[in-house]
């Protein structure tokens, strides 16, 4: 996604199993390479993780 990923839209590189299709590849964006997930970011379930990501996207969305 050359101009970034809009909030609420899954990355085009996300596979059906939620894994990154280009993990470890040189074309993986720097922001993805630098991301260091933490327990507070991931929560205890996929639902908790998505709720946290949604909150971050809303908090950082341009107004």
N, C-alpha and C. Protein backbone atom coordinates (compact mmCIF):
# COMPACT_ATOMS: atom_id res chain seq x y z
N UNK A 1 0.85 -1.15 0.00
CA UNK A 1 0.00 0.00 0.00
C UNK A 1 0.91 1.23 0.00
N UNK A 2 1.25 1.71 -1.17
CA UNK A 2 2.27 2.76 -1.29
C UNK A 2 2.00 4.05 -0.53
N UNK A 3 0.74 4.38 -0.28
CA UNK A 3 0.41 5.63 0.41
C UNK A 3 -0.15 5.37 1.80
N UNK A 4 0.15 4.21 2.35
CA UNK A 4 -0.31 3.87 3.69
C UNK A 4 -1.62 3.11 3.66
N UNK A 5 -2.06 2.72 4.82
CA UNK A 5 -3.28 1.95 4.96
C UNK A 5 -4.31 2.79 5.69
N UNK A 6 -5.48 2.97 5.08
CA UNK A 6 -6.52 3.71 5.79
C UNK A 6 -6.99 2.96 7.04
N UNK A 7 -7.40 3.69 8.04
CA UNK A 7 -7.92 3.09 9.26
C UNK A 7 -9.13 2.22 8.93
N UNK A 8 -9.18 1.07 9.57
CA UNK A 8 -10.32 0.17 9.39
C UNK A 8 -10.24 -0.72 8.17
N UNK A 9 -9.21 -0.58 7.37
CA UNK A 9 -9.04 -1.40 6.17
C UNK A 9 -7.90 -2.38 6.42
N UNK A 10 -8.14 -3.68 6.24
CA UNK A 10 -7.04 -4.64 6.42
C UNK A 10 -5.93 -4.41 5.39
N UNK A 11 -4.72 -4.67 5.78
CA UNK A 11 -3.58 -4.57 4.87
C UNK A 11 -3.77 -5.56 3.71
N UNK A 12 -3.38 -5.15 2.52
CA UNK A 12 -3.51 -6.03 1.35
C UNK A 12 -2.59 -7.25 1.46
N UNK A 13 -1.59 -7.18 2.34
CA UNK A 13 -0.66 -8.30 2.51
C UNK A 13 -1.12 -9.29 3.58
N UNK A 14 -2.26 -9.04 4.20
CA UNK A 14 -2.74 -9.92 5.26
C UNK A 14 -3.40 -11.15 4.64
N UNK A 15 -2.86 -12.33 4.99
CA UNK A 15 -3.40 -13.58 4.46
C UNK A 15 -4.65 -13.99 5.23
N UNK A 16 -5.32 -15.02 4.74
CA UNK A 16 -6.54 -15.52 5.39
C UNK A 16 -6.30 -15.97 6.82
N UNK A 17 -5.07 -16.41 7.12
CA UNK A 17 -4.75 -16.84 8.48
C UNK A 17 -4.21 -15.70 9.34
N UNK A 18 -4.34 -14.45 8.85
CA UNK A 18 -3.93 -13.22 9.53
C UNK A 18 -2.42 -13.04 9.60
N UNK A 19 -1.67 -13.84 8.89
CA UNK A 19 -0.22 -13.69 8.83
C UNK A 19 0.14 -12.73 7.69
N UNK A 20 1.26 -12.08 7.82
CA UNK A 20 1.74 -11.16 6.79
C UNK A 20 2.37 -11.96 5.65
N UNK A 21 1.92 -11.70 4.44
CA UNK A 21 2.42 -12.42 3.26
C UNK A 21 3.85 -12.01 2.90
N UNK A 22 4.31 -10.85 3.39
CA UNK A 22 5.66 -10.40 3.04
C UNK A 22 6.56 -10.26 4.27
N UNK A 23 6.19 -10.96 5.36
CA UNK A 23 7.01 -10.91 6.58
C UNK A 23 8.43 -11.35 6.25
N UNK A 24 9.40 -10.55 6.69
CA UNK A 24 10.80 -10.87 6.46
C UNK A 24 11.32 -10.50 5.09
N UNK A 25 10.47 -9.98 4.23
CA UNK A 25 10.88 -9.61 2.89
C UNK A 25 11.32 -8.14 2.87
N UNK A 26 12.24 -7.78 1.96
CA UNK A 26 12.73 -6.39 1.93
C UNK A 26 11.64 -5.38 1.57
N UNK A 27 10.60 -5.80 0.88
CA UNK A 27 9.54 -4.86 0.50
C UNK A 27 8.55 -4.58 1.64
N UNK A 28 8.70 -5.26 2.76
CA UNK A 28 7.83 -5.00 3.91
C UNK A 28 8.09 -3.57 4.39
N UNK A 29 7.04 -2.79 4.60
CA UNK A 29 7.22 -1.38 4.99
C UNK A 29 7.98 -1.22 6.30
N UNK A 30 8.72 -0.13 6.40
CA UNK A 30 9.52 0.15 7.59
C UNK A 30 8.65 0.20 8.84
N UNK A 31 7.46 0.76 8.74
CA UNK A 31 6.59 0.85 9.91
C UNK A 31 6.23 -0.54 10.42
N UNK A 32 6.07 -1.50 9.54
CA UNK A 32 5.77 -2.87 9.94
C UNK A 32 7.00 -3.54 10.54
N UNK A 33 8.16 -3.31 9.92
CA UNK A 33 9.40 -3.90 10.44
C UNK A 33 9.71 -3.39 11.84
N UNK A 34 9.38 -2.12 12.11
CA UNK A 34 9.70 -1.50 13.39
C UNK A 34 8.69 -1.84 14.48
N UNK A 35 7.52 -2.34 14.11
CA UNK A 35 6.48 -2.63 15.10
C UNK A 35 6.92 -3.75 16.03
N UNK A 36 6.81 -3.50 17.32
CA UNK A 36 7.15 -4.50 18.33
C UNK A 36 5.90 -4.73 19.17
N UNK A 37 5.07 -5.71 18.78
CA UNK A 37 3.85 -5.97 19.53
C UNK A 37 4.14 -6.29 21.00
N UNK A 38 3.24 -5.86 21.84
CA UNK A 38 3.37 -6.11 23.27
C UNK A 38 2.08 -6.74 23.78
N UNK A 39 2.13 -7.35 24.96
CA UNK A 39 0.89 -7.93 25.51
C UNK A 39 -0.24 -6.90 25.62
N UNK A 40 0.09 -5.66 25.96
CA UNK A 40 -0.96 -4.65 26.07
C UNK A 40 -1.56 -4.30 24.70
N UNK A 41 -0.79 -4.43 23.65
CA UNK A 41 -1.29 -4.17 22.30
C UNK A 41 -2.13 -5.35 21.80
N UNK A 42 -1.71 -6.55 22.10
CA UNK A 42 -2.36 -7.74 21.54
C UNK A 42 -3.54 -8.23 22.36
N UNK A 43 -3.59 -7.88 23.63
CA UNK A 43 -4.68 -8.34 24.47
C UNK A 43 -4.64 -9.84 24.67
N UNK A 44 -5.76 -10.39 25.12
CA UNK A 44 -5.84 -11.83 25.38
C UNK A 44 -6.59 -12.57 24.28
N UNK A 45 -7.07 -11.81 23.28
CA UNK A 45 -7.82 -12.43 22.19
C UNK A 45 -7.74 -11.53 20.96
N UNK A 46 -8.16 -12.08 19.84
CA UNK A 46 -8.19 -11.28 18.61
C UNK A 46 -9.15 -10.11 18.78
N UNK A 47 -10.28 -10.34 19.46
CA UNK A 47 -11.25 -9.26 19.67
C UNK A 47 -10.64 -8.12 20.49
N UNK A 48 -9.89 -8.45 21.54
CA UNK A 48 -9.23 -7.41 22.34
C UNK A 48 -8.19 -6.67 21.51
N UNK A 49 -7.44 -7.39 20.71
CA UNK A 49 -6.42 -6.76 19.86
C UNK A 49 -7.07 -5.80 18.87
N UNK A 50 -8.16 -6.22 18.24
CA UNK A 50 -8.84 -5.35 17.28
C UNK A 50 -9.46 -4.13 17.95
N UNK A 51 -9.98 -4.30 19.15
CA UNK A 51 -10.54 -3.17 19.88
C UNK A 51 -9.45 -2.15 20.19
N UNK A 52 -8.28 -2.63 20.59
CA UNK A 52 -7.16 -1.74 20.87
C UNK A 52 -6.67 -1.02 19.63
N UNK A 53 -6.58 -1.74 18.52
CA UNK A 53 -6.16 -1.11 17.26
C UNK A 53 -7.17 -0.07 16.80
N UNK A 54 -8.44 -0.39 16.95
CA UNK A 54 -9.48 0.57 16.58
C UNK A 54 -9.37 1.85 17.40
N UNK A 55 -9.13 1.70 18.70
CA UNK A 55 -8.96 2.87 19.56
C UNK A 55 -7.75 3.70 19.14
N UNK A 56 -6.64 3.04 18.81
CA UNK A 56 -5.45 3.77 18.35
C UNK A 56 -5.72 4.49 17.03
N UNK A 57 -6.38 3.81 16.10
CA UNK A 57 -6.68 4.45 14.82
C UNK A 57 -7.58 5.67 15.01
N UNK A 58 -8.56 5.57 15.89
CA UNK A 58 -9.46 6.70 16.13
C UNK A 58 -8.71 7.84 16.81
N UNK A 59 -7.82 7.52 17.74
CA UNK A 59 -7.08 8.54 18.47
C UNK A 59 -6.08 9.28 17.59
N UNK A 60 -5.61 8.63 16.53
CA UNK A 60 -4.58 9.24 15.68
C UNK A 60 -5.09 9.65 14.32
N UNK A 61 -6.40 9.54 14.11
CA UNK A 61 -6.99 9.91 12.81
C UNK A 61 -6.93 11.42 12.62
N UNK A 62 -6.64 11.85 11.39
CA UNK A 62 -6.68 13.29 11.12
C UNK A 62 -8.13 13.80 11.22
N UNK A 63 -8.28 14.99 11.72
CA UNK A 63 -9.63 15.56 11.89
C UNK A 63 -9.87 16.67 10.92
